[in-house]
Amino acid sequence: PCHYKRQYIEWADRGTSTGAPVAIHDADSDIVSQTTRGKDYKDRLPNGNYLEETASYFVMVETKSGGYTPALITMKSTQLNVSKKWNSMMKTTQIPDGKGGFAIPPMHGVVYNLTSTLEKNDKGSWYGWVVTQDRILDQKDKSLYLSAKEFGGNVSKGNVQTKADVEEKVSDATPYLQYW
């Protein structure tokens, strides 16, 4: 992981739109205060659209050839608990600080494995994320560490645009978030 961002994604109901997000709102916006709970248990805006709290992780994914490529992983609904656990893992991992104590490495200094598992409840079944820590980067991983640090810095400065960001500037239709 290189950067974490919590957002509220605004959606129109299925069949009434392109199936793409209508808008993306920052977590610190007042958009949630404008919602009421609908009969479908979704947080509805006055325009009829609904909001989904979404955890977005900008990551470097290992490719089959052994390299790395930037990607975006989003978690919503039942996966927000997975997101909270992952964030907790990142905040509690410790490494020796060289002075007899411990320090928490930056998020881009630790490699995690993400797999999926079948989950179900009375409404149906789906695949959810399982996150486990793989390793803390060391000197042999210097190139990956520096690439991840640079990518995370660029995301936090607003220098990285997802395909959704680019399309939003071109038209009103915004595709699903994906690799860019």
N, C-alpha and C. Protein backbone atom coordinates (compact mmCIF):
# COMPACT_ATOMS: atom_id res chain seq x y z
N PRO A 1 0.83 -1.20 0.00
CA PRO A 1 0.00 0.00 0.00
C PRO A 1 0.87 1.25 0.00
N CYS A 2 0.44 2.26 -0.76
CA CYS A 2 1.22 3.49 -0.87
C CYS A 2 0.46 4.71 -0.35
N HIS A 3 -0.87 4.65 -0.41
CA HIS A 3 -1.69 5.77 0.05
C HIS A 3 -3.10 5.25 0.34
N TYR A 4 -3.70 5.79 1.40
CA TYR A 4 -5.06 5.41 1.78
C TYR A 4 -5.94 6.66 1.75
N LYS A 5 -7.15 6.48 1.22
CA LYS A 5 -8.09 7.60 1.16
C LYS A 5 -9.50 7.07 1.41
N ARG A 6 -10.21 7.70 2.35
CA ARG A 6 -11.61 7.35 2.60
C ARG A 6 -12.47 8.36 1.87
N GLN A 7 -13.48 7.86 1.13
CA GLN A 7 -14.33 8.73 0.33
C GLN A 7 -15.77 8.24 0.39
N TYR A 8 -16.67 9.09 -0.09
CA TYR A 8 -18.06 8.71 -0.29
C TYR A 8 -18.34 8.76 -1.78
N ILE A 9 -18.68 7.61 -2.33
CA ILE A 9 -18.95 7.52 -3.76
C ILE A 9 -20.46 7.67 -3.95
N GLU A 10 -20.84 8.59 -4.85
CA GLU A 10 -22.26 8.84 -5.14
C GLU A 10 -22.66 8.03 -6.36
N TRP A 11 -23.76 7.26 -6.20
CA TRP A 11 -24.25 6.40 -7.26
C TRP A 11 -25.71 6.70 -7.55
N ALA A 12 -26.11 6.50 -8.80
CA ALA A 12 -27.52 6.49 -9.18
C ALA A 12 -27.96 5.03 -9.17
N ASP A 13 -29.24 4.78 -9.01
CA ASP A 13 -29.74 3.41 -8.98
C ASP A 13 -29.47 2.69 -10.29
N ARG A 14 -29.29 1.38 -10.20
CA ARG A 14 -29.09 0.56 -11.39
C ARG A 14 -30.24 0.74 -12.36
N GLY A 15 -29.90 0.81 -13.63
CA GLY A 15 -30.92 0.96 -14.65
C GLY A 15 -31.31 2.40 -14.92
N THR A 16 -30.82 3.32 -14.08
CA THR A 16 -31.15 4.74 -14.27
C THR A 16 -29.93 5.56 -14.68
N SER A 17 -28.79 4.88 -14.84
CA SER A 17 -27.56 5.61 -15.18
C SER A 17 -26.64 4.72 -16.01
N THR A 18 -25.44 5.18 -16.20
CA THR A 18 -24.44 4.44 -16.97
C THR A 18 -23.81 3.32 -16.15
N GLY A 19 -24.11 3.25 -14.86
CA GLY A 19 -23.48 2.26 -14.00
C GLY A 19 -22.15 2.72 -13.45
N ALA A 20 -21.82 3.97 -13.69
CA ALA A 20 -20.57 4.55 -13.21
C ALA A 20 -20.87 5.50 -12.05
N PRO A 21 -19.86 5.81 -11.22
CA PRO A 21 -20.09 6.77 -10.14
C PRO A 21 -20.55 8.12 -10.68
N VAL A 22 -21.47 8.75 -9.97
CA VAL A 22 -21.95 10.08 -10.34
C VAL A 22 -20.93 11.12 -9.87
N ALA A 23 -20.42 10.92 -8.65
CA ALA A 23 -19.43 11.85 -8.08
C ALA A 23 -18.66 11.14 -6.99
N ILE A 24 -17.49 11.69 -6.65
CA ILE A 24 -16.67 11.17 -5.56
C ILE A 24 -16.46 12.31 -4.58
N HIS A 25 -16.86 12.09 -3.33
CA HIS A 25 -16.80 13.12 -2.30
C HIS A 25 -15.75 12.75 -1.26
N ASP A 26 -14.95 13.73 -0.83
CA ASP A 26 -13.97 13.50 0.22
C ASP A 26 -14.67 13.18 1.53
N ALA A 27 -13.99 12.41 2.37
CA ALA A 27 -14.58 11.99 3.65
C ALA A 27 -14.88 13.18 4.56
N ASP A 28 -14.14 14.27 4.40
CA ASP A 28 -14.36 15.43 5.28
C ASP A 28 -15.40 16.41 4.72
N SER A 29 -16.04 16.06 3.60
CA SER A 29 -17.10 16.94 3.08
C SER A 29 -18.36 16.77 3.93
N ASP A 30 -19.30 17.68 3.77
CA ASP A 30 -20.53 17.60 4.55
C ASP A 30 -21.63 16.82 3.82
N ILE A 31 -21.27 16.05 2.81
CA ILE A 31 -22.25 15.37 1.97
C ILE A 31 -23.12 14.39 2.76
N VAL A 32 -22.55 13.72 3.76
CA VAL A 32 -23.31 12.74 4.53
C VAL A 32 -24.44 13.41 5.31
N SER A 33 -24.22 14.65 5.74
CA SER A 33 -25.25 15.37 6.50
C SER A 33 -26.48 15.68 5.63
N GLN A 34 -26.33 15.55 4.32
CA GLN A 34 -27.43 15.83 3.40
C GLN A 34 -28.26 14.59 3.09
N THR A 35 -27.92 13.45 3.70
CA THR A 35 -28.61 12.20 3.36
C THR A 35 -29.67 11.83 4.39
N THR A 36 -30.59 10.99 3.95
CA THR A 36 -31.55 10.33 4.83
C THR A 36 -31.52 8.85 4.49
N ARG A 37 -31.82 8.02 5.46
CA ARG A 37 -31.79 6.57 5.25
C ARG A 37 -33.03 6.15 4.47
N GLY A 38 -32.82 5.51 3.32
CA GLY A 38 -33.92 5.05 2.49
C GLY A 38 -34.48 3.72 2.97
N LYS A 39 -35.59 3.31 2.41
CA LYS A 39 -36.20 2.03 2.76
C LYS A 39 -35.26 0.86 2.44
N ASP A 40 -34.38 1.09 1.48
CA ASP A 40 -33.40 0.07 1.10
C ASP A 40 -32.14 0.12 1.97
N TYR A 41 -32.18 0.93 3.03
CA TYR A 41 -31.08 1.10 3.99
C TYR A 41 -29.86 1.78 3.39
N LYS A 42 -30.05 2.47 2.27
CA LYS A 42 -28.97 3.24 1.66
C LYS A 42 -29.11 4.70 2.08
N ASP A 43 -27.97 5.39 2.21
CA ASP A 43 -27.97 6.81 2.54
C ASP A 43 -28.27 7.60 1.27
N ARG A 44 -29.48 8.16 1.19
CA ARG A 44 -29.98 8.82 -0.01
C ARG A 44 -29.81 10.34 0.07
N LEU A 45 -29.38 10.91 -1.05
CA LEU A 45 -29.30 12.37 -1.19
C LEU A 45 -30.64 12.90 -1.68
N PRO A 46 -30.88 14.21 -1.56
CA PRO A 46 -32.14 14.78 -2.05
C PRO A 46 -32.40 14.50 -3.54
N ASN A 47 -31.34 14.32 -4.35
CA ASN A 47 -31.52 14.04 -5.78
C ASN A 47 -31.86 12.57 -6.06
N GLY A 48 -31.96 11.73 -5.02
CA GLY A 48 -32.30 10.32 -5.19
C GLY A 48 -31.10 9.41 -5.27
N ASN A 49 -29.92 9.94 -5.52
CA ASN A 49 -28.71 9.12 -5.56
C ASN A 49 -28.37 8.66 -4.14
N TYR A 50 -27.51 7.66 -4.05
CA TYR A 50 -27.09 7.18 -2.74
C TYR A 50 -25.58 7.22 -2.60
N LEU A 51 -25.11 7.22 -1.36
CA LEU A 51 -23.68 7.27 -1.05
C LEU A 51 -23.21 5.93 -0.52
N GLU A 52 -22.00 5.55 -0.89
CA GLU A 52 -21.35 4.39 -0.31
C GLU A 52 -20.00 4.83 0.24
N GLU A 53 -19.81 4.61 1.54
CA GLU A 53 -18.50 4.87 2.13
C GLU A 53 -17.52 3.89 1.51
N THR A 54 -16.38 4.39 1.06
CA THR A 54 -15.43 3.57 0.33
C THR A 54 -14.01 3.85 0.82
N ALA A 55 -13.29 2.78 1.11
CA ALA A 55 -11.88 2.87 1.48
C ALA A 55 -11.07 2.59 0.21
N SER A 56 -10.23 3.54 -0.17
CA SER A 56 -9.43 3.40 -1.39
C SER A 56 -7.96 3.26 -1.03
N TYR A 57 -7.35 2.20 -1.54
CA TYR A 57 -5.93 1.95 -1.32
C TYR A 57 -5.21 2.04 -2.65
N PHE A 58 -4.29 2.96 -2.76
CA PHE A 58 -3.42 3.06 -3.93
C PHE A 58 -2.22 2.17 -3.62
N VAL A 59 -2.02 1.17 -4.45
CA VAL A 59 -1.04 0.13 -4.14
C VAL A 59 -0.11 -0.13 -5.32
N MET A 60 0.95 -0.85 -5.04
CA MET A 60 1.82 -1.40 -6.07
C MET A 60 1.55 -2.90 -6.06
N VAL A 61 1.14 -3.45 -7.21
CA VAL A 61 0.81 -4.86 -7.33
C VAL A 61 1.93 -5.58 -8.07
N GLU A 62 2.35 -6.70 -7.51
CA GLU A 62 3.38 -7.49 -8.17
C GLU A 62 2.80 -8.16 -9.41
N THR A 63 3.49 -8.02 -10.52
CA THR A 63 3.04 -8.63 -11.77
C THR A 63 3.60 -10.04 -11.90
N LYS A 64 3.08 -10.80 -12.85
CA LYS A 64 3.56 -12.17 -13.08
C LYS A 64 5.03 -12.20 -13.44
N SER A 65 5.51 -11.14 -14.10
CA SER A 65 6.92 -11.10 -14.51
C SER A 65 7.84 -10.65 -13.38
N GLY A 66 7.27 -10.32 -12.20
CA GLY A 66 8.10 -9.94 -11.06
C GLY A 66 8.24 -8.45 -10.87
N GLY A 67 7.71 -7.65 -11.78
CA GLY A 67 7.75 -6.20 -11.61
C GLY A 67 6.56 -5.73 -10.79
N TYR A 68 6.35 -4.44 -10.76
CA TYR A 68 5.24 -3.87 -10.00
C TYR A 68 4.51 -2.83 -10.83
N THR A 69 3.21 -2.75 -10.64
CA THR A 69 2.39 -1.79 -11.36
C THR A 69 1.43 -1.12 -10.38
N PRO A 70 1.15 0.16 -10.55
CA PRO A 70 0.22 0.83 -9.65
C PRO A 70 -1.22 0.38 -9.90
N ALA A 71 -2.00 0.35 -8.84
CA ALA A 71 -3.40 -0.05 -8.95
C ALA A 71 -4.18 0.59 -7.81
N LEU A 72 -5.49 0.50 -7.91
CA LEU A 72 -6.38 1.02 -6.89
C LEU A 72 -7.27 -0.12 -6.41
N ILE A 73 -7.30 -0.34 -5.10
CA ILE A 73 -8.18 -1.32 -4.50
C ILE A 73 -9.20 -0.56 -3.68
N THR A 74 -10.47 -0.82 -3.93
CA THR A 74 -11.52 -0.16 -3.15
C THR A 74 -12.25 -1.19 -2.32
N MET A 75 -12.63 -0.78 -1.12
CA MET A 75 -13.39 -1.63 -0.21
C MET A 75 -14.59 -0.84 0.27
N LYS A 76 -15.76 -1.48 0.24
CA LYS A 76 -16.99 -0.84 0.70
C LYS A 76 -17.86 -1.87 1.38
N SER A 77 -18.93 -1.43 1.96
CA SER A 77 -19.93 -2.31 2.58
C SER A 77 -19.27 -3.23 3.59
N THR A 78 -19.45 -4.54 3.41
CA THR A 78 -18.91 -5.51 4.38
C THR A 78 -17.38 -5.47 4.42
N GLN A 79 -16.74 -4.98 3.38
CA GLN A 79 -15.28 -4.96 3.33
C GLN A 79 -14.67 -3.80 4.12
N LEU A 80 -15.51 -2.89 4.63
CA LEU A 80 -14.98 -1.81 5.47
C LEU A 80 -14.37 -2.35 6.75
N ASN A 81 -14.88 -3.48 7.25
CA ASN A 81 -14.26 -4.11 8.43
C ASN A 81 -12.87 -4.63 8.09
N VAL A 82 -12.71 -5.19 6.89
CA VAL A 82 -11.39 -5.64 6.44
C VAL A 82 -10.46 -4.43 6.35
N SER A 83 -10.95 -3.32 5.81
CA SER A 83 -10.16 -2.10 5.70
C SER A 83 -9.70 -1.62 7.07
N LYS A 84 -10.60 -1.62 8.04
CA LYS A 84 -10.23 -1.17 9.39
C LYS A 84 -9.15 -2.07 9.99
N LYS A 85 -9.27 -3.37 9.78
CA LYS A 85 -8.25 -4.30 10.30
C LYS A 85 -6.91 -4.08 9.61
N TRP A 86 -6.95 -3.82 8.29
CA TRP A 86 -5.71 -3.59 7.55
C TRP A 86 -5.05 -2.30 8.04
N ASN A 87 -5.84 -1.25 8.20
CA ASN A 87 -5.28 0.00 8.73
C ASN A 87 -4.69 -0.21 10.11
N SER A 88 -5.36 -1.00 10.93
CA SER A 88 -4.84 -1.30 12.26
C SER A 88 -3.52 -2.06 12.18
N MET A 89 -3.44 -3.03 11.26
CA MET A 89 -2.18 -3.76 11.04
C MET A 89 -1.06 -2.80 10.71
N MET A 90 -1.36 -1.84 9.81
CA MET A 90 -0.34 -0.89 9.38
C MET A 90 0.12 0.01 10.53
N LYS A 91 -0.79 0.33 11.44
CA LYS A 91 -0.45 1.24 12.54
C LYS A 91 0.21 0.55 13.72
N THR A 92 0.18 -0.78 13.75
CA THR A 92 0.75 -1.49 14.90
C THR A 92 1.98 -2.32 14.56
N THR A 93 2.35 -2.41 13.29
CA THR A 93 3.58 -3.11 12.91
C THR A 93 4.77 -2.31 13.43
N GLN A 94 5.70 -3.00 14.05
CA GLN A 94 6.86 -2.31 14.62
C GLN A 94 8.16 -2.91 14.11
N ILE A 95 9.16 -2.03 13.98
CA ILE A 95 10.50 -2.46 13.61
C ILE A 95 11.48 -1.80 14.59
N PRO A 96 12.64 -2.42 14.81
CA PRO A 96 13.63 -1.79 15.70
C PRO A 96 14.06 -0.44 15.14
N ASP A 97 14.17 0.56 16.02
CA ASP A 97 14.54 1.91 15.57
C ASP A 97 16.05 2.15 15.62
N GLY A 98 16.83 1.15 16.04
CA GLY A 98 18.28 1.30 16.11
C GLY A 98 18.75 1.98 17.37
N LYS A 99 17.84 2.39 18.23
CA LYS A 99 18.17 3.08 19.49
C LYS A 99 17.66 2.30 20.70
N GLY A 100 17.32 1.03 20.47
CA GLY A 100 16.81 0.21 21.56
C GLY A 100 15.29 0.23 21.67
N GLY A 101 14.63 0.97 20.81
CA GLY A 101 13.18 1.05 20.83
C GLY A 101 12.59 0.52 19.53
N PHE A 102 11.37 0.93 19.29
CA PHE A 102 10.68 0.48 18.09
C PHE A 102 10.04 1.66 17.37
N ALA A 103 9.85 1.50 16.07
CA ALA A 103 9.19 2.51 15.24
C ALA A 103 8.18 1.82 14.34
N ILE A 104 7.22 2.59 13.89
CA ILE A 104 6.22 2.07 12.95
C ILE A 104 6.69 2.42 11.54
N PRO A 105 6.88 1.40 10.69
CA PRO A 105 7.34 1.70 9.32
C PRO A 105 6.24 2.40 8.53
N PRO A 106 6.62 3.15 7.50
CA PRO A 106 5.59 3.77 6.66
C PRO A 106 4.78 2.70 5.95
N MET A 107 3.58 3.05 5.56
CA MET A 107 2.70 2.08 4.91
C MET A 107 3.36 1.45 3.69
N HIS A 108 4.17 2.21 2.96
CA HIS A 108 4.82 1.68 1.76
C HIS A 108 6.06 0.85 2.09
N GLY A 109 6.35 0.65 3.36
CA GLY A 109 7.51 -0.14 3.77
C GLY A 109 7.18 -1.57 4.15
N VAL A 110 5.94 -1.97 3.94
CA VAL A 110 5.51 -3.32 4.31
C VAL A 110 4.75 -3.93 3.14
N VAL A 111 5.01 -5.20 2.87
CA VAL A 111 4.32 -5.93 1.81
C VAL A 111 3.22 -6.78 2.43
N TYR A 112 2.04 -6.74 1.82
CA TYR A 112 0.90 -7.53 2.28
C TYR A 112 0.44 -8.44 1.15
N ASN A 113 -0.11 -9.56 1.53
CA ASN A 113 -0.75 -10.46 0.57
C ASN A 113 -2.25 -10.26 0.67
N LEU A 114 -2.90 -10.08 -0.46
CA LEU A 114 -4.35 -9.98 -0.50
C LEU A 114 -4.90 -11.15 -1.29
N THR A 115 -5.77 -11.89 -0.66
CA THR A 115 -6.46 -12.99 -1.30
C THR A 115 -7.95 -12.79 -1.08
N SER A 116 -8.74 -13.70 -1.57
CA SER A 116 -10.18 -13.58 -1.39
C SER A 116 -10.75 -14.83 -0.76
N THR A 117 -11.91 -14.66 -0.15
CA THR A 117 -12.61 -15.78 0.46
C THR A 117 -14.11 -15.60 0.22
N LEU A 118 -14.80 -16.70 0.13
CA LEU A 118 -16.25 -16.65 -0.07
C LEU A 118 -16.92 -16.27 1.24
N GLU A 119 -17.76 -15.26 1.20
CA GLU A 119 -18.52 -14.82 2.36
C GLU A 119 -20.00 -14.90 2.00
N LYS A 120 -20.84 -15.03 3.02
CA LYS A 120 -22.28 -15.06 2.74
C LYS A 120 -23.06 -14.61 3.96
N ASN A 121 -24.26 -14.15 3.68
CA ASN A 121 -25.24 -13.83 4.72
C ASN A 121 -26.62 -14.14 4.15
N ASP A 122 -27.66 -13.69 4.84
CA ASP A 122 -29.02 -14.01 4.38
C ASP A 122 -29.39 -13.33 3.06
N LYS A 123 -28.58 -12.35 2.62
CA LYS A 123 -28.87 -11.66 1.36
C LYS A 123 -28.14 -12.25 0.16
N GLY A 124 -27.18 -13.14 0.41
CA GLY A 124 -26.45 -13.74 -0.70
C GLY A 124 -25.01 -14.06 -0.35
N SER A 125 -24.20 -14.26 -1.38
CA SER A 125 -22.79 -14.57 -1.18
C SER A 125 -21.94 -13.70 -2.11
N TRP A 126 -20.68 -13.53 -1.73
CA TRP A 126 -19.75 -12.69 -2.46
C TRP A 126 -18.34 -13.06 -2.03
N TYR A 127 -17.37 -12.58 -2.76
CA TYR A 127 -15.98 -12.77 -2.38
C TYR A 127 -15.48 -11.53 -1.67
N GLY A 128 -14.83 -11.74 -0.54
CA GLY A 128 -14.28 -10.63 0.24
C GLY A 128 -12.78 -10.77 0.35
N TRP A 129 -12.15 -9.69 0.76
CA TRP A 129 -10.69 -9.63 0.90
C TRP A 129 -10.22 -10.31 2.18
N VAL A 130 -9.03 -10.90 2.10
CA VAL A 130 -8.29 -11.38 3.26
C VAL A 130 -6.91 -10.76 3.14
N VAL A 131 -6.49 -10.01 4.16
CA VAL A 131 -5.20 -9.31 4.13
C VAL A 131 -4.29 -9.90 5.20
N THR A 132 -3.09 -10.31 4.79
CA THR A 132 -2.08 -10.79 5.72
C THR A 132 -0.76 -10.09 5.43
N GLN A 133 0.02 -9.90 6.48
CA GLN A 133 1.33 -9.27 6.29
C GLN A 133 2.29 -10.29 5.73
N ASP A 134 3.04 -9.91 4.71
CA ASP A 134 4.04 -10.78 4.10
C ASP A 134 5.40 -10.51 4.73
N ARG A 135 5.88 -9.26 4.52
CA ARG A 135 7.22 -8.94 5.05
C ARG A 135 7.41 -7.43 5.12
N ILE A 136 8.38 -7.04 5.91
CA ILE A 136 8.80 -5.64 5.97
C ILE A 136 9.95 -5.50 4.97
N LEU A 137 9.89 -4.47 4.16
CA LEU A 137 10.92 -4.27 3.14
C LEU A 137 12.27 -4.03 3.80
N ASP A 138 13.33 -4.52 3.15
CA ASP A 138 14.68 -4.29 3.63
C ASP A 138 15.55 -3.76 2.49
N GLN A 139 16.86 -3.75 2.67
CA GLN A 139 17.77 -3.15 1.69
C GLN A 139 17.63 -3.75 0.30
N LYS A 140 17.37 -5.05 0.22
CA LYS A 140 17.26 -5.66 -1.11
C LYS A 140 16.00 -5.20 -1.84
N ASP A 141 15.07 -4.59 -1.11
CA ASP A 141 13.83 -4.09 -1.69
C ASP A 141 13.86 -2.57 -1.90
N LYS A 142 15.05 -1.98 -1.93
CA LYS A 142 15.18 -0.52 -1.98
C LYS A 142 14.45 0.09 -3.17
N SER A 143 14.55 -0.52 -4.34
CA SER A 143 13.90 0.02 -5.54
C SER A 143 12.38 0.04 -5.37
N LEU A 144 11.81 -1.06 -4.86
CA LEU A 144 10.37 -1.11 -4.63
C LEU A 144 9.96 -0.07 -3.59
N TYR A 145 10.74 0.04 -2.50
CA TYR A 145 10.45 1.01 -1.45
C TYR A 145 10.40 2.43 -2.03
N LEU A 146 11.40 2.79 -2.81
CA LEU A 146 11.46 4.14 -3.37
C LEU A 146 10.33 4.39 -4.38
N SER A 147 10.01 3.39 -5.19
CA SER A 147 8.91 3.53 -6.15
C SER A 147 7.58 3.71 -5.42
N ALA A 148 7.36 2.90 -4.39
CA ALA A 148 6.11 2.98 -3.63
C ALA A 148 6.01 4.33 -2.90
N LYS A 149 7.13 4.78 -2.35
CA LYS A 149 7.15 6.07 -1.66
C LYS A 149 6.81 7.19 -2.63
N GLU A 150 7.41 7.16 -3.81
CA GLU A 150 7.14 8.19 -4.81
C GLU A 150 5.68 8.16 -5.27
N PHE A 151 5.16 6.96 -5.52
CA PHE A 151 3.77 6.83 -5.94
C PHE A 151 2.83 7.38 -4.87
N GLY A 152 3.05 6.99 -3.62
CA GLY A 152 2.21 7.49 -2.52
C GLY A 152 2.28 9.00 -2.40
N GLY A 153 3.47 9.56 -2.54
CA GLY A 153 3.63 11.01 -2.49
C GLY A 153 2.89 11.71 -3.61
N ASN A 154 2.97 11.15 -4.80
CA ASN A 154 2.26 11.73 -5.95
C ASN A 154 0.75 11.67 -5.77
N VAL A 155 0.25 10.57 -5.19
CA VAL A 155 -1.19 10.47 -4.94
C VAL A 155 -1.61 11.53 -3.93
N SER A 156 -0.85 11.65 -2.83
CA SER A 156 -1.24 12.61 -1.78
C SER A 156 -1.17 14.06 -2.27
N LYS A 157 -0.31 14.35 -3.24
CA LYS A 157 -0.22 15.70 -3.80
C LYS A 157 -1.26 15.96 -4.88
N GLY A 158 -2.02 14.91 -5.25
CA GLY A 158 -3.02 15.07 -6.31
C GLY A 158 -2.45 14.94 -7.70
N ASN A 159 -1.23 14.43 -7.82
CA ASN A 159 -0.59 14.29 -9.13
C ASN A 159 -0.95 13.00 -9.85
N VAL A 160 -1.69 12.12 -9.20
CA VAL A 160 -2.10 10.85 -9.81
C VAL A 160 -3.59 10.90 -10.02
N GLN A 161 -4.01 10.61 -11.23
CA GLN A 161 -5.44 10.59 -11.53
C GLN A 161 -5.84 9.18 -11.93
N THR A 162 -6.94 8.72 -11.36
CA THR A 162 -7.48 7.45 -11.79
C THR A 162 -8.19 7.66 -13.11
N LYS A 163 -8.52 6.57 -13.76
CA LYS A 163 -9.25 6.69 -15.02
C LYS A 163 -10.56 7.43 -14.78
N ALA A 164 -11.16 7.23 -13.60
CA ALA A 164 -12.41 7.92 -13.26
C ALA A 164 -12.20 9.43 -13.22
N ASP A 165 -11.07 9.88 -12.65
CA ASP A 165 -10.77 11.31 -12.58
C ASP A 165 -10.63 11.91 -13.98
N VAL A 166 -9.91 11.22 -14.84
CA VAL A 166 -9.68 11.72 -16.19
C VAL A 166 -10.98 11.78 -16.98
N GLU A 167 -11.78 10.71 -16.93
CA GLU A 167 -13.04 10.66 -17.67
C GLU A 167 -14.02 11.71 -17.16
N GLU A 168 -13.99 11.98 -15.85
CA GLU A 168 -14.92 12.95 -15.28
C GLU A 168 -14.69 14.34 -15.88
N LYS A 169 -13.44 14.65 -16.21
CA LYS A 169 -13.13 15.95 -16.80
C LYS A 169 -13.59 16.03 -18.26
N VAL A 170 -13.68 14.86 -18.91
CA VAL A 170 -14.05 14.81 -20.31
C VAL A 170 -15.56 14.75 -20.50
N SER A 171 -16.24 14.02 -19.62
CA SER A 171 -17.68 13.85 -19.78
C SER A 171 -18.33 13.68 -18.41
N ASP A 172 -19.64 13.57 -18.40
CA ASP A 172 -20.36 13.36 -17.15
C ASP A 172 -20.33 11.89 -16.73
N ALA A 173 -20.03 10.99 -17.64
CA ALA A 173 -19.99 9.56 -17.31
C ALA A 173 -18.62 9.22 -16.77
N THR A 174 -18.57 8.51 -15.64
CA THR A 174 -17.33 8.13 -15.01
C THR A 174 -17.27 6.61 -14.91
N PRO A 175 -16.25 5.96 -15.51
CA PRO A 175 -16.19 4.50 -15.46
C PRO A 175 -15.74 4.02 -14.08
N TYR A 176 -15.84 2.70 -13.89
CA TYR A 176 -15.37 2.11 -12.63
C TYR A 176 -13.89 2.38 -12.46
N LEU A 177 -13.45 2.46 -11.23
CA LEU A 177 -12.03 2.65 -10.93
C LEU A 177 -11.29 1.37 -11.24
N GLN A 178 -10.10 1.50 -11.79
CA GLN A 178 -9.33 0.31 -12.18
C GLN A 178 -7.88 0.68 -12.31
N TYR A 179 -7.09 -0.25 -12.88
CA TYR A 179 -5.68 0.05 -13.16
C TYR A 179 -5.63 1.26 -14.08
N TRP A 180 -4.55 2.01 -14.01
CA TRP A 180 -4.38 3.12 -14.96
C TRP A 180 -2.99 3.09 -15.50
